């Protein structure tokens, strides 16, 4: 049994790592050795991953990592739209929204991108997804992920322009839009000053 086996999850912070190494006289030296052996991967200061040396890959939840890596944040935009199969593309960059500064982390697991959104736009449309081990992560609902994406596209000032963007640029099927909850969309849009976003409901109602 290895040292890192004492840590319950594959993603963990410095406190969990310190607890696992508490019997070592020089735990920081041990951390350095683990990093050199690549038994331990460092995503940022104070945040680590176990790295399996066997043929069985270590399971990581990119969604949980995205929440823990930089926060407060929730997964949204392209990654969430792909997660819900609203857009056809497979998205590798984990895109999130935060109230803090814009941030990009390039890690051994891939890139994590954080866009800035005013906290007054946060209240509605964020869900908690629970994993089998009891942990979970915050992710935008389908409606919120799409609204966030449209919000950052400043050029969409007309209904025609938005429809073109949805169907041609994002390649969203009309059937996918028809499944969205217009009442939730209207609730999410209440604090928004960008009233052109209301065109989304008008487009859906025409389908």
N, C-alpha and C. Protein backbone atom coordinates (compact mmCIF):
# COMPACT_ATOMS: atom_id res chain seq x y z
N UNK A 1 0.84 -1.20 0.00
CA UNK A 1 0.00 0.00 0.00
C UNK A 1 0.87 1.24 0.00
N UNK A 2 0.67 2.12 -0.97
CA UNK A 2 1.47 3.33 -1.06
C UNK A 2 0.99 4.43 -0.14
N UNK A 3 1.83 5.44 0.00
CA UNK A 3 1.50 6.58 0.87
C UNK A 3 0.22 7.26 0.43
N UNK A 4 0.10 7.45 -0.89
CA UNK A 4 -1.05 8.19 -1.41
C UNK A 4 -2.35 7.41 -1.31
N UNK A 5 -2.25 6.09 -1.06
CA UNK A 5 -3.46 5.29 -0.91
C UNK A 5 -4.25 5.68 0.34
N UNK A 6 -3.57 6.36 1.27
CA UNK A 6 -4.25 6.82 2.48
C UNK A 6 -5.18 8.00 2.21
N UNK A 7 -5.03 8.60 1.04
CA UNK A 7 -5.88 9.73 0.67
C UNK A 7 -7.10 9.18 -0.06
N UNK A 8 -8.27 9.53 0.39
CA UNK A 8 -9.51 8.92 -0.09
C UNK A 8 -9.77 9.16 -1.57
N UNK A 9 -9.58 10.40 -2.01
CA UNK A 9 -9.93 10.74 -3.39
C UNK A 9 -8.69 10.98 -4.24
N UNK A 10 -8.87 10.93 -5.54
CA UNK A 10 -7.73 11.12 -6.45
C UNK A 10 -7.37 12.58 -6.66
N UNK A 11 -8.29 13.48 -6.31
CA UNK A 11 -8.03 14.92 -6.38
C UNK A 11 -8.02 15.44 -4.94
N UNK A 12 -7.00 16.16 -4.54
CA UNK A 12 -6.92 16.56 -3.13
C UNK A 12 -6.05 17.80 -2.96
N UNK A 13 -6.20 18.44 -1.80
CA UNK A 13 -5.44 19.66 -1.52
C UNK A 13 -4.24 19.36 -0.62
N UNK A 14 -3.52 20.42 -0.27
CA UNK A 14 -2.29 20.27 0.51
C UNK A 14 -2.57 19.72 1.91
N UNK A 15 -3.73 20.08 2.48
CA UNK A 15 -4.06 19.59 3.83
C UNK A 15 -4.20 18.07 3.84
N UNK A 16 -4.87 17.53 2.83
CA UNK A 16 -5.02 16.07 2.75
C UNK A 16 -3.68 15.39 2.53
N UNK A 17 -2.83 16.01 1.71
CA UNK A 17 -1.50 15.45 1.46
C UNK A 17 -0.64 15.50 2.72
N UNK A 18 -0.72 16.60 3.44
CA UNK A 18 0.05 16.74 4.68
C UNK A 18 -0.37 15.71 5.71
N UNK A 19 -1.66 15.43 5.78
CA UNK A 19 -2.18 14.43 6.72
C UNK A 19 -1.63 13.04 6.39
N UNK A 20 -1.55 12.74 5.09
CA UNK A 20 -1.04 11.43 4.66
C UNK A 20 0.45 11.28 4.96
N UNK A 21 1.15 12.41 5.03
CA UNK A 21 2.60 12.39 5.24
C UNK A 21 2.99 12.83 6.65
N UNK A 22 2.06 12.82 7.57
CA UNK A 22 2.31 13.39 8.90
C UNK A 22 3.38 12.64 9.69
N UNK A 23 3.64 11.37 9.35
CA UNK A 23 4.66 10.60 10.08
C UNK A 23 6.07 10.85 9.54
N UNK A 24 6.17 11.57 8.45
CA UNK A 24 7.48 11.87 7.88
C UNK A 24 8.09 13.09 8.56
N UNK A 25 9.39 13.00 8.80
CA UNK A 25 10.08 14.11 9.47
C UNK A 25 10.15 15.32 8.55
N UNK A 26 10.33 15.08 7.25
CA UNK A 26 10.41 16.18 6.28
C UNK A 26 9.39 15.93 5.16
N UNK A 27 8.11 16.22 5.43
CA UNK A 27 7.07 15.92 4.44
C UNK A 27 7.24 16.68 3.12
N UNK A 28 7.79 17.89 3.17
CA UNK A 28 7.97 18.66 1.93
C UNK A 28 8.98 17.98 1.01
N UNK A 29 10.01 17.38 1.60
CA UNK A 29 11.00 16.64 0.79
C UNK A 29 10.34 15.42 0.13
N UNK A 30 9.44 14.78 0.88
CA UNK A 30 8.74 13.61 0.33
C UNK A 30 7.83 14.03 -0.83
N UNK A 31 7.18 15.18 -0.69
CA UNK A 31 6.33 15.69 -1.77
C UNK A 31 7.15 15.94 -3.02
N UNK A 32 8.33 16.51 -2.84
CA UNK A 32 9.23 16.77 -3.97
C UNK A 32 9.59 15.47 -4.68
N UNK A 33 9.89 14.43 -3.91
CA UNK A 33 10.24 13.12 -4.49
C UNK A 33 9.06 12.51 -5.25
N UNK A 34 7.87 12.63 -4.67
CA UNK A 34 6.67 12.09 -5.32
C UNK A 34 6.38 12.81 -6.64
N UNK A 35 6.64 14.11 -6.65
CA UNK A 35 6.44 14.89 -7.88
C UNK A 35 7.46 14.49 -8.95
N UNK A 36 8.71 14.26 -8.53
CA UNK A 36 9.75 13.86 -9.47
C UNK A 36 9.47 12.48 -10.05
N UNK A 37 8.94 11.59 -9.23
CA UNK A 37 8.59 10.23 -9.68
C UNK A 37 7.29 10.22 -10.48
N UNK A 38 6.59 11.35 -10.46
CA UNK A 38 5.29 11.51 -11.12
C UNK A 38 4.22 10.58 -10.53
N UNK A 39 4.44 10.19 -9.27
CA UNK A 39 3.37 9.50 -8.55
C UNK A 39 2.31 10.51 -8.14
N UNK A 40 2.75 11.76 -8.15
CA UNK A 40 1.91 12.88 -7.75
C UNK A 40 1.98 13.95 -8.84
N UNK A 41 0.83 14.46 -9.24
CA UNK A 41 0.78 15.53 -10.23
C UNK A 41 0.29 16.81 -9.55
N UNK A 42 0.92 17.92 -9.89
CA UNK A 42 0.54 19.20 -9.31
C UNK A 42 -0.21 20.02 -10.35
N UNK A 43 -1.45 20.39 -10.03
CA UNK A 43 -2.24 21.21 -10.94
C UNK A 43 -2.00 22.69 -10.70
N UNK A 44 -1.88 23.04 -9.45
CA UNK A 44 -1.50 24.40 -9.06
C UNK A 44 -0.99 24.31 -7.63
N UNK A 45 -0.53 25.40 -7.09
CA UNK A 45 -0.01 25.39 -5.73
C UNK A 45 -1.10 24.92 -4.76
N UNK A 46 -0.80 23.83 -4.05
CA UNK A 46 -1.72 23.32 -3.05
C UNK A 46 -2.82 22.42 -3.57
N UNK A 47 -2.75 22.02 -4.84
CA UNK A 47 -3.79 21.15 -5.41
C UNK A 47 -3.14 20.06 -6.25
N UNK A 48 -3.42 18.80 -5.91
CA UNK A 48 -2.68 17.67 -6.49
C UNK A 48 -3.61 16.56 -6.99
N UNK A 49 -3.01 15.66 -7.78
CA UNK A 49 -3.70 14.47 -8.26
C UNK A 49 -2.81 13.26 -8.06
N UNK A 50 -3.43 12.11 -7.79
CA UNK A 50 -2.69 10.85 -7.81
C UNK A 50 -2.43 10.48 -9.27
N UNK A 51 -1.30 9.84 -9.52
CA UNK A 51 -0.97 9.41 -10.88
C UNK A 51 -0.64 7.92 -10.85
N UNK A 52 -1.51 7.11 -11.43
CA UNK A 52 -1.34 5.66 -11.40
C UNK A 52 -0.13 5.22 -12.22
N UNK A 53 0.63 4.28 -11.69
CA UNK A 53 1.78 3.72 -12.41
C UNK A 53 1.42 2.39 -13.07
N UNK A 54 0.18 1.96 -12.90
CA UNK A 54 -0.26 0.69 -13.47
C UNK A 54 -0.94 0.92 -14.82
N UNK A 55 -1.38 -0.18 -15.43
CA UNK A 55 -2.09 -0.08 -16.70
C UNK A 55 -3.53 0.40 -16.52
N UNK A 56 -3.98 0.43 -15.27
CA UNK A 56 -5.33 0.92 -14.99
C UNK A 56 -5.26 2.43 -14.77
N UNK A 57 -5.87 3.22 -15.65
CA UNK A 57 -5.78 4.67 -15.50
C UNK A 57 -6.50 5.16 -14.25
N UNK A 58 -5.99 6.20 -13.65
CA UNK A 58 -6.62 6.80 -12.49
C UNK A 58 -7.83 7.60 -12.94
N UNK A 59 -8.96 7.42 -12.23
CA UNK A 59 -10.17 8.17 -12.59
C UNK A 59 -10.13 9.56 -11.96
N UNK A 60 -10.38 10.56 -12.78
CA UNK A 60 -10.51 11.93 -12.29
C UNK A 60 -11.83 12.49 -12.77
N UNK A 61 -12.45 13.29 -11.97
CA UNK A 61 -13.62 14.04 -12.41
C UNK A 61 -13.14 15.43 -12.80
N UNK A 62 -13.09 15.71 -14.11
CA UNK A 62 -12.69 17.03 -14.56
C UNK A 62 -13.65 18.10 -14.04
N UNK A 63 -14.90 17.71 -13.86
CA UNK A 63 -15.89 18.67 -13.39
C UNK A 63 -15.61 19.09 -11.95
N UNK A 64 -15.30 18.11 -11.10
CA UNK A 64 -14.95 18.43 -9.71
C UNK A 64 -13.67 19.25 -9.67
N UNK A 65 -12.70 18.85 -10.48
CA UNK A 65 -11.44 19.59 -10.53
C UNK A 65 -11.67 21.03 -10.94
N UNK A 66 -12.54 21.24 -11.93
CA UNK A 66 -12.83 22.60 -12.40
C UNK A 66 -13.38 23.46 -11.27
N UNK A 67 -14.28 22.90 -10.46
CA UNK A 67 -14.85 23.64 -9.34
C UNK A 67 -13.81 23.96 -8.27
N UNK A 68 -12.92 22.98 -8.01
CA UNK A 68 -11.93 23.14 -6.94
C UNK A 68 -10.72 23.97 -7.35
N UNK A 69 -10.41 23.94 -8.63
CA UNK A 69 -9.20 24.60 -9.11
C UNK A 69 -9.27 26.11 -8.95
N UNK A 70 -10.46 26.66 -9.15
CA UNK A 70 -10.63 28.11 -9.09
C UNK A 70 -12.10 28.40 -8.78
N UNK A 71 -12.33 29.16 -7.74
CA UNK A 71 -13.72 29.40 -7.38
C UNK A 71 -13.92 30.68 -6.59
N UNK A 72 -15.19 31.04 -6.38
CA UNK A 72 -16.38 30.27 -6.74
C UNK A 72 -16.57 30.20 -8.25
N UNK A 73 -16.98 29.05 -8.73
CA UNK A 73 -17.19 28.88 -10.17
C UNK A 73 -18.17 27.75 -10.42
N UNK A 74 -18.71 27.74 -11.61
CA UNK A 74 -19.54 26.62 -12.05
C UNK A 74 -19.23 26.36 -13.52
N UNK A 75 -19.39 25.13 -13.96
CA UNK A 75 -19.11 24.75 -15.35
C UNK A 75 -20.21 25.27 -16.25
N UNK A 76 -19.82 25.84 -17.38
CA UNK A 76 -20.82 26.42 -18.28
C UNK A 76 -20.25 26.53 -19.68
N UNK A 77 -20.90 27.35 -20.50
CA UNK A 77 -20.43 27.67 -21.86
C UNK A 77 -20.26 26.41 -22.71
N UNK A 78 -19.21 26.36 -23.52
CA UNK A 78 -19.06 25.27 -24.50
C UNK A 78 -19.01 23.89 -23.86
N UNK A 79 -18.29 23.76 -22.75
CA UNK A 79 -18.15 22.44 -22.13
C UNK A 79 -19.51 21.92 -21.66
N UNK A 80 -20.29 22.79 -21.02
CA UNK A 80 -21.61 22.37 -20.55
C UNK A 80 -22.55 22.08 -21.71
N UNK A 81 -22.48 22.88 -22.77
CA UNK A 81 -23.33 22.64 -23.94
C UNK A 81 -23.01 21.30 -24.58
N UNK A 82 -21.74 20.94 -24.61
CA UNK A 82 -21.32 19.63 -25.12
C UNK A 82 -21.73 18.52 -24.16
N UNK A 83 -21.60 18.77 -22.88
CA UNK A 83 -21.98 17.82 -21.82
C UNK A 83 -23.44 17.40 -21.97
N UNK A 84 -24.29 18.37 -22.32
CA UNK A 84 -25.73 18.10 -22.49
C UNK A 84 -26.09 17.69 -23.93
N UNK A 85 -25.06 17.57 -24.78
CA UNK A 85 -25.27 17.21 -26.20
C UNK A 85 -26.10 18.24 -26.95
N UNK A 86 -26.04 19.49 -26.52
CA UNK A 86 -26.75 20.56 -27.22
C UNK A 86 -25.98 20.97 -28.47
N UNK A 87 -24.66 20.98 -28.37
CA UNK A 87 -23.83 21.21 -29.55
C UNK A 87 -23.16 19.89 -29.92
N UNK A 88 -22.91 19.66 -31.21
CA UNK A 88 -22.38 18.36 -31.64
C UNK A 88 -20.90 18.14 -31.34
N UNK A 89 -20.14 19.22 -31.15
CA UNK A 89 -18.70 19.09 -30.97
C UNK A 89 -18.34 18.51 -29.60
N UNK A 90 -17.28 17.74 -29.57
CA UNK A 90 -16.69 17.29 -28.31
C UNK A 90 -15.75 18.40 -27.83
N UNK A 91 -15.94 18.89 -26.64
CA UNK A 91 -15.17 20.02 -26.11
C UNK A 91 -14.18 19.51 -25.07
N UNK A 92 -12.90 19.74 -25.30
CA UNK A 92 -11.86 19.26 -24.39
C UNK A 92 -11.54 20.28 -23.30
N UNK A 93 -11.58 21.57 -23.64
CA UNK A 93 -11.31 22.61 -22.65
C UNK A 93 -12.50 22.71 -21.71
N UNK A 94 -12.25 22.62 -20.41
CA UNK A 94 -13.33 22.72 -19.44
C UNK A 94 -13.59 24.19 -19.17
N UNK A 95 -14.74 24.67 -19.63
CA UNK A 95 -15.08 26.09 -19.52
C UNK A 95 -15.99 26.33 -18.33
N UNK A 96 -15.63 27.32 -17.53
CA UNK A 96 -16.40 27.66 -16.34
C UNK A 96 -16.63 29.16 -16.29
N UNK A 97 -17.52 29.54 -15.38
CA UNK A 97 -17.81 30.95 -15.14
C UNK A 97 -17.52 31.24 -13.67
N UNK A 98 -16.95 32.41 -13.41
CA UNK A 98 -16.58 32.80 -12.05
C UNK A 98 -16.90 34.27 -11.81
N UNK A 99 -16.99 34.66 -10.55
CA UNK A 99 -17.15 36.08 -10.21
C UNK A 99 -15.79 36.74 -10.01
N UNK A 100 -14.74 35.94 -10.03
CA UNK A 100 -13.39 36.47 -9.82
C UNK A 100 -12.76 36.84 -11.16
N UNK A 101 -11.47 36.98 -11.18
CA UNK A 101 -10.77 37.38 -12.41
C UNK A 101 -10.71 36.24 -13.40
N UNK A 102 -10.59 36.60 -14.68
CA UNK A 102 -10.44 35.60 -15.74
C UNK A 102 -9.18 34.79 -15.47
N UNK A 103 -9.26 33.48 -15.72
CA UNK A 103 -8.12 32.62 -15.42
C UNK A 103 -8.07 31.45 -16.40
N UNK A 104 -6.85 31.03 -16.74
CA UNK A 104 -6.65 29.85 -17.56
C UNK A 104 -5.58 28.99 -16.90
N UNK A 105 -5.88 27.71 -16.70
CA UNK A 105 -4.91 26.77 -16.16
C UNK A 105 -4.62 25.71 -17.22
N UNK A 106 -3.37 25.57 -17.58
CA UNK A 106 -2.93 24.49 -18.47
C UNK A 106 -2.30 23.42 -17.59
N UNK A 107 -2.94 22.27 -17.49
CA UNK A 107 -2.54 21.23 -16.56
C UNK A 107 -2.28 19.92 -17.29
N UNK A 108 -1.71 18.92 -16.59
CA UNK A 108 -1.52 17.60 -17.21
C UNK A 108 -2.83 16.95 -17.67
N UNK A 109 -3.95 17.40 -17.12
CA UNK A 109 -5.25 16.86 -17.50
C UNK A 109 -5.92 17.65 -18.62
N UNK A 110 -5.32 18.77 -18.98
CA UNK A 110 -5.93 19.61 -20.00
C UNK A 110 -6.07 21.04 -19.53
N UNK A 111 -6.81 21.81 -20.29
CA UNK A 111 -6.97 23.24 -20.02
C UNK A 111 -8.30 23.52 -19.33
N UNK A 112 -8.23 24.39 -18.33
CA UNK A 112 -9.42 24.84 -17.61
C UNK A 112 -9.52 26.35 -17.77
N UNK A 113 -10.62 26.81 -18.34
CA UNK A 113 -10.78 28.23 -18.68
C UNK A 113 -11.93 28.82 -17.87
N UNK A 114 -11.69 30.00 -17.27
CA UNK A 114 -12.69 30.65 -16.42
C UNK A 114 -13.01 32.04 -16.96
N UNK A 115 -14.26 32.27 -17.32
CA UNK A 115 -14.72 33.57 -17.79
C UNK A 115 -15.42 34.30 -16.64
N UNK A 116 -15.41 35.62 -16.69
CA UNK A 116 -15.95 36.43 -15.59
C UNK A 116 -17.40 36.83 -15.86
N UNK A 117 -18.25 36.62 -14.87
CA UNK A 117 -19.65 37.02 -14.97
C UNK A 117 -20.04 37.69 -13.65
N UNK A 118 -20.73 38.82 -13.75
CA UNK A 118 -21.16 39.54 -12.56
C UNK A 118 -22.03 38.65 -11.67
N UNK A 119 -21.82 38.76 -10.37
CA UNK A 119 -22.51 37.86 -9.44
C UNK A 119 -24.03 38.04 -9.43
N UNK A 120 -24.52 39.17 -9.93
CA UNK A 120 -25.97 39.35 -9.96
C UNK A 120 -26.65 38.42 -10.97
N UNK A 121 -25.84 37.83 -11.87
CA UNK A 121 -26.39 36.90 -12.86
C UNK A 121 -26.32 35.44 -12.39
N UNK A 122 -25.91 35.24 -11.16
CA UNK A 122 -25.69 33.88 -10.65
C UNK A 122 -26.93 33.14 -10.14
N UNK A 123 -27.92 33.82 -9.54
CA UNK A 123 -28.92 33.10 -8.73
C UNK A 123 -29.59 31.89 -9.34
N UNK A 124 -30.07 31.98 -10.58
CA UNK A 124 -30.86 30.88 -11.16
C UNK A 124 -30.08 30.13 -12.22
N UNK A 125 -30.41 28.85 -12.36
CA UNK A 125 -29.85 28.08 -13.47
C UNK A 125 -28.55 27.35 -13.18
N UNK A 126 -28.22 27.17 -11.92
CA UNK A 126 -27.01 26.41 -11.57
C UNK A 126 -27.44 25.16 -10.81
N UNK A 127 -26.99 24.01 -11.24
CA UNK A 127 -27.40 22.76 -10.61
C UNK A 127 -26.20 22.05 -9.97
N UNK A 128 -26.52 21.15 -9.06
CA UNK A 128 -25.51 20.36 -8.34
C UNK A 128 -25.63 18.91 -8.81
N UNK A 129 -24.58 18.40 -9.43
CA UNK A 129 -24.57 17.03 -9.91
C UNK A 129 -23.76 16.17 -8.93
N UNK A 130 -24.38 15.12 -8.43
CA UNK A 130 -23.73 14.27 -7.43
C UNK A 130 -23.16 13.01 -8.08
N UNK A 131 -21.93 12.67 -7.72
CA UNK A 131 -21.30 11.44 -8.19
C UNK A 131 -21.64 10.28 -7.26
N UNK A 132 -21.29 9.09 -7.67
CA UNK A 132 -21.59 7.90 -6.87
C UNK A 132 -20.89 7.88 -5.53
N UNK A 133 -19.74 8.58 -5.42
CA UNK A 133 -19.00 8.57 -4.15
C UNK A 133 -19.48 9.65 -3.19
N UNK A 134 -20.56 10.35 -3.55
CA UNK A 134 -21.12 11.35 -2.65
C UNK A 134 -20.67 12.77 -2.93
N UNK A 135 -19.59 12.91 -3.69
CA UNK A 135 -19.12 14.25 -4.04
C UNK A 135 -19.92 14.77 -5.22
N UNK A 136 -19.72 16.03 -5.54
CA UNK A 136 -20.45 16.59 -6.67
C UNK A 136 -19.81 17.88 -7.16
N UNK A 137 -20.48 18.50 -8.10
CA UNK A 137 -19.94 19.73 -8.70
C UNK A 137 -21.09 20.61 -9.20
N UNK A 138 -20.79 21.90 -9.30
CA UNK A 138 -21.77 22.86 -9.81
C UNK A 138 -21.62 23.00 -11.32
N UNK A 139 -22.74 22.90 -12.02
CA UNK A 139 -22.73 23.05 -13.47
C UNK A 139 -24.00 23.80 -13.87
N UNK A 140 -23.89 24.63 -14.88
CA UNK A 140 -25.06 25.34 -15.38
C UNK A 140 -26.08 24.35 -15.92
N UNK A 141 -27.36 24.69 -15.79
CA UNK A 141 -28.38 23.92 -16.49
C UNK A 141 -28.20 24.14 -17.99
N UNK A 142 -28.91 23.38 -18.78
CA UNK A 142 -28.82 23.56 -20.24
C UNK A 142 -29.17 25.00 -20.62
N UNK A 143 -30.22 25.52 -19.98
CA UNK A 143 -30.68 26.87 -20.29
C UNK A 143 -29.64 27.93 -19.90
N UNK A 144 -29.07 27.78 -18.72
CA UNK A 144 -28.09 28.74 -18.23
C UNK A 144 -26.81 28.69 -19.05
N UNK A 145 -26.37 27.50 -19.43
CA UNK A 145 -25.15 27.36 -20.24
C UNK A 145 -25.30 28.09 -21.57
N UNK A 146 -26.48 27.97 -22.18
CA UNK A 146 -26.71 28.63 -23.46
C UNK A 146 -26.81 30.14 -23.29
N UNK A 147 -27.48 30.59 -22.25
CA UNK A 147 -27.58 32.03 -21.99
C UNK A 147 -26.20 32.62 -21.72
N UNK A 148 -25.38 31.93 -20.95
CA UNK A 148 -24.01 32.40 -20.70
C UNK A 148 -23.25 32.54 -22.01
N UNK A 149 -23.39 31.55 -22.88
CA UNK A 149 -22.70 31.59 -24.17
C UNK A 149 -23.16 32.78 -25.00
N UNK A 150 -24.46 33.01 -25.05
CA UNK A 150 -25.01 34.13 -25.82
C UNK A 150 -24.61 35.47 -25.20
N UNK A 151 -24.52 35.51 -23.88
CA UNK A 151 -24.16 36.75 -23.18
C UNK A 151 -22.78 37.24 -23.61
N UNK A 152 -21.86 36.32 -23.78
CA UNK A 152 -20.49 36.70 -24.15
C UNK A 152 -20.33 36.97 -25.64
N UNK A 153 -21.38 36.73 -26.42
CA UNK A 153 -21.35 37.06 -27.85
C UNK A 153 -22.02 38.42 -28.04
N UNK A 154 -21.24 39.48 -27.96
CA UNK A 154 -21.78 40.84 -27.94
C UNK A 154 -22.47 41.26 -29.23
N UNK A 155 -22.18 40.60 -30.35
CA UNK A 155 -22.70 41.04 -31.64
C UNK A 155 -24.14 40.60 -31.90
N UNK A 156 -24.71 39.79 -31.02
CA UNK A 156 -26.04 39.23 -31.27
C UNK A 156 -27.13 40.20 -30.82
N UNK A 157 -27.35 41.24 -31.61
CA UNK A 157 -28.29 42.30 -31.22
C UNK A 157 -29.68 42.12 -31.82
N UNK A 158 -29.82 41.23 -32.80
CA UNK A 158 -31.12 41.02 -33.44
C UNK A 158 -31.55 39.57 -33.32
N UNK A 159 -32.85 39.35 -33.45
CA UNK A 159 -33.39 38.00 -33.40
C UNK A 159 -32.86 37.15 -34.55
N UNK A 160 -32.77 37.76 -35.73
CA UNK A 160 -32.26 37.05 -36.90
C UNK A 160 -30.80 36.65 -36.70
N UNK A 161 -30.01 37.58 -36.16
CA UNK A 161 -28.60 37.30 -35.92
C UNK A 161 -28.40 36.19 -34.89
N UNK A 162 -29.24 36.20 -33.85
CA UNK A 162 -29.14 35.15 -32.83
C UNK A 162 -29.54 33.80 -33.39
N UNK A 163 -30.60 33.76 -34.18
CA UNK A 163 -31.04 32.50 -34.78
C UNK A 163 -29.96 31.92 -35.68
N UNK A 164 -29.34 32.79 -36.45
CA UNK A 164 -28.25 32.34 -37.34
C UNK A 164 -27.09 31.78 -36.52
N UNK A 165 -26.77 32.45 -35.43
CA UNK A 165 -25.68 32.00 -34.56
C UNK A 165 -26.00 30.63 -33.95
N UNK A 166 -27.23 30.47 -33.47
CA UNK A 166 -27.64 29.21 -32.84
C UNK A 166 -27.60 28.04 -33.81
N UNK A 167 -28.17 28.25 -35.00
CA UNK A 167 -28.34 27.14 -35.94
C UNK A 167 -27.15 26.91 -36.87
N UNK A 168 -26.41 27.97 -37.17
CA UNK A 168 -25.30 27.83 -38.11
C UNK A 168 -23.94 27.79 -37.41
N UNK A 169 -23.73 28.69 -36.46
CA UNK A 169 -22.43 28.71 -35.77
C UNK A 169 -22.31 27.61 -34.72
N UNK A 170 -23.31 27.54 -33.85
CA UNK A 170 -23.29 26.51 -32.80
C UNK A 170 -23.83 25.17 -33.29
N UNK A 171 -24.53 25.18 -34.39
CA UNK A 171 -25.11 23.98 -35.01
C UNK A 171 -26.04 23.22 -34.05
N UNK A 172 -26.87 23.99 -33.36
CA UNK A 172 -27.84 23.40 -32.45
C UNK A 172 -29.07 22.96 -33.24
N UNK A 173 -29.52 21.75 -32.99
CA UNK A 173 -30.73 21.26 -33.64
C UNK A 173 -31.96 21.94 -33.04
N UNK A 174 -32.95 22.22 -33.87
CA UNK A 174 -34.17 22.87 -33.40
C UNK A 174 -34.84 22.04 -32.31
N UNK A 175 -34.76 20.73 -32.44
CA UNK A 175 -35.38 19.85 -31.45
C UNK A 175 -34.75 20.02 -30.06
N UNK A 176 -33.45 20.33 -30.03
CA UNK A 176 -32.77 20.55 -28.76
C UNK A 176 -33.26 21.84 -28.10
N UNK A 177 -33.47 22.88 -28.91
CA UNK A 177 -33.97 24.15 -28.37
C UNK A 177 -35.40 23.98 -27.85
N UNK A 178 -36.19 23.19 -28.54
CA UNK A 178 -37.59 22.99 -28.13
C UNK A 178 -37.70 22.27 -26.79
N UNK A 179 -36.65 21.57 -26.40
CA UNK A 179 -36.66 20.86 -25.11
C UNK A 179 -36.32 21.77 -23.94
N UNK A 180 -35.84 22.99 -24.23
CA UNK A 180 -35.44 23.90 -23.15
C UNK A 180 -36.67 24.45 -22.43
N UNK A 181 -36.49 24.78 -21.16
CA UNK A 181 -37.56 25.30 -20.32
C UNK A 181 -37.61 26.82 -20.43
N UNK A 182 -38.61 27.34 -21.15
CA UNK A 182 -38.70 28.79 -21.36
C UNK A 182 -38.97 29.54 -20.07
N UNK A 183 -39.70 28.93 -19.14
CA UNK A 183 -39.95 29.58 -17.85
C UNK A 183 -38.65 29.77 -17.08
N UNK A 184 -37.78 28.76 -17.13
CA UNK A 184 -36.48 28.87 -16.47
C UNK A 184 -35.62 29.91 -17.18
N UNK A 185 -35.67 29.94 -18.50
CA UNK A 185 -34.90 30.94 -19.26
C UNK A 185 -35.31 32.34 -18.84
N UNK A 186 -36.62 32.59 -18.73
CA UNK A 186 -37.11 33.91 -18.34
C UNK A 186 -36.69 34.25 -16.91
N UNK A 187 -36.68 33.25 -16.03
CA UNK A 187 -36.23 33.47 -14.65
C UNK A 187 -34.74 33.82 -14.62
N UNK A 188 -33.94 33.11 -15.40
CA UNK A 188 -32.50 33.38 -15.46
C UNK A 188 -32.23 34.78 -15.99
N UNK A 189 -33.04 35.21 -16.96
CA UNK A 189 -32.80 36.49 -17.63
C UNK A 189 -33.27 37.70 -16.84
N UNK A 190 -34.02 37.51 -15.75
CA UNK A 190 -34.58 38.64 -15.00
C UNK A 190 -33.55 39.70 -14.60
N UNK A 191 -32.38 39.32 -14.05
CA UNK A 191 -31.42 40.36 -13.64
C UNK A 191 -30.57 40.93 -14.78
N UNK A 192 -30.68 40.37 -15.98
CA UNK A 192 -29.82 40.79 -17.08
C UNK A 192 -30.29 42.12 -17.66
N UNK A 193 -29.34 43.00 -17.90
CA UNK A 193 -29.64 44.29 -18.54
C UNK A 193 -29.63 44.16 -20.06
N UNK A 194 -28.99 43.13 -20.56
CA UNK A 194 -28.90 42.92 -22.01
C UNK A 194 -30.21 42.28 -22.49
N UNK A 195 -31.19 43.12 -22.81
CA UNK A 195 -32.52 42.64 -23.15
C UNK A 195 -32.57 41.88 -24.47
N UNK A 196 -31.55 42.02 -25.30
CA UNK A 196 -31.54 41.27 -26.56
C UNK A 196 -31.51 39.76 -26.31
N UNK A 197 -31.11 39.35 -25.10
CA UNK A 197 -31.10 37.92 -24.76
C UNK A 197 -32.51 37.34 -24.74
N UNK A 198 -33.52 38.22 -24.57
CA UNK A 198 -34.91 37.76 -24.59
C UNK A 198 -35.30 37.19 -25.95
N UNK A 199 -34.49 37.49 -26.97
CA UNK A 199 -34.76 36.93 -28.29
C UNK A 199 -34.71 35.41 -28.30
N UNK A 200 -33.99 34.84 -27.33
CA UNK A 200 -33.90 33.38 -27.26
C UNK A 200 -35.28 32.75 -27.07
N UNK A 201 -36.07 33.31 -26.15
CA UNK A 201 -37.42 32.79 -25.91
C UNK A 201 -38.29 32.97 -27.15
N UNK A 202 -38.16 34.12 -27.80
CA UNK A 202 -38.95 34.38 -29.01
C UNK A 202 -38.62 33.37 -30.11
N UNK A 203 -37.34 33.06 -30.25
CA UNK A 203 -36.91 32.08 -31.27
C UNK A 203 -37.49 30.70 -30.96
N UNK A 204 -37.41 30.30 -29.68
CA UNK A 204 -37.93 28.99 -29.28
C UNK A 204 -39.44 28.91 -29.51
N UNK A 205 -40.15 29.99 -29.18
CA UNK A 205 -41.61 29.98 -29.32
C UNK A 205 -42.06 29.91 -30.78
N UNK A 206 -41.18 30.26 -31.69
CA UNK A 206 -41.51 30.20 -33.11
C UNK A 206 -41.30 28.81 -33.71
N UNK A 207 -40.60 27.95 -32.97
CA UNK A 207 -40.28 26.62 -33.51
C UNK A 207 -41.50 25.69 -33.52
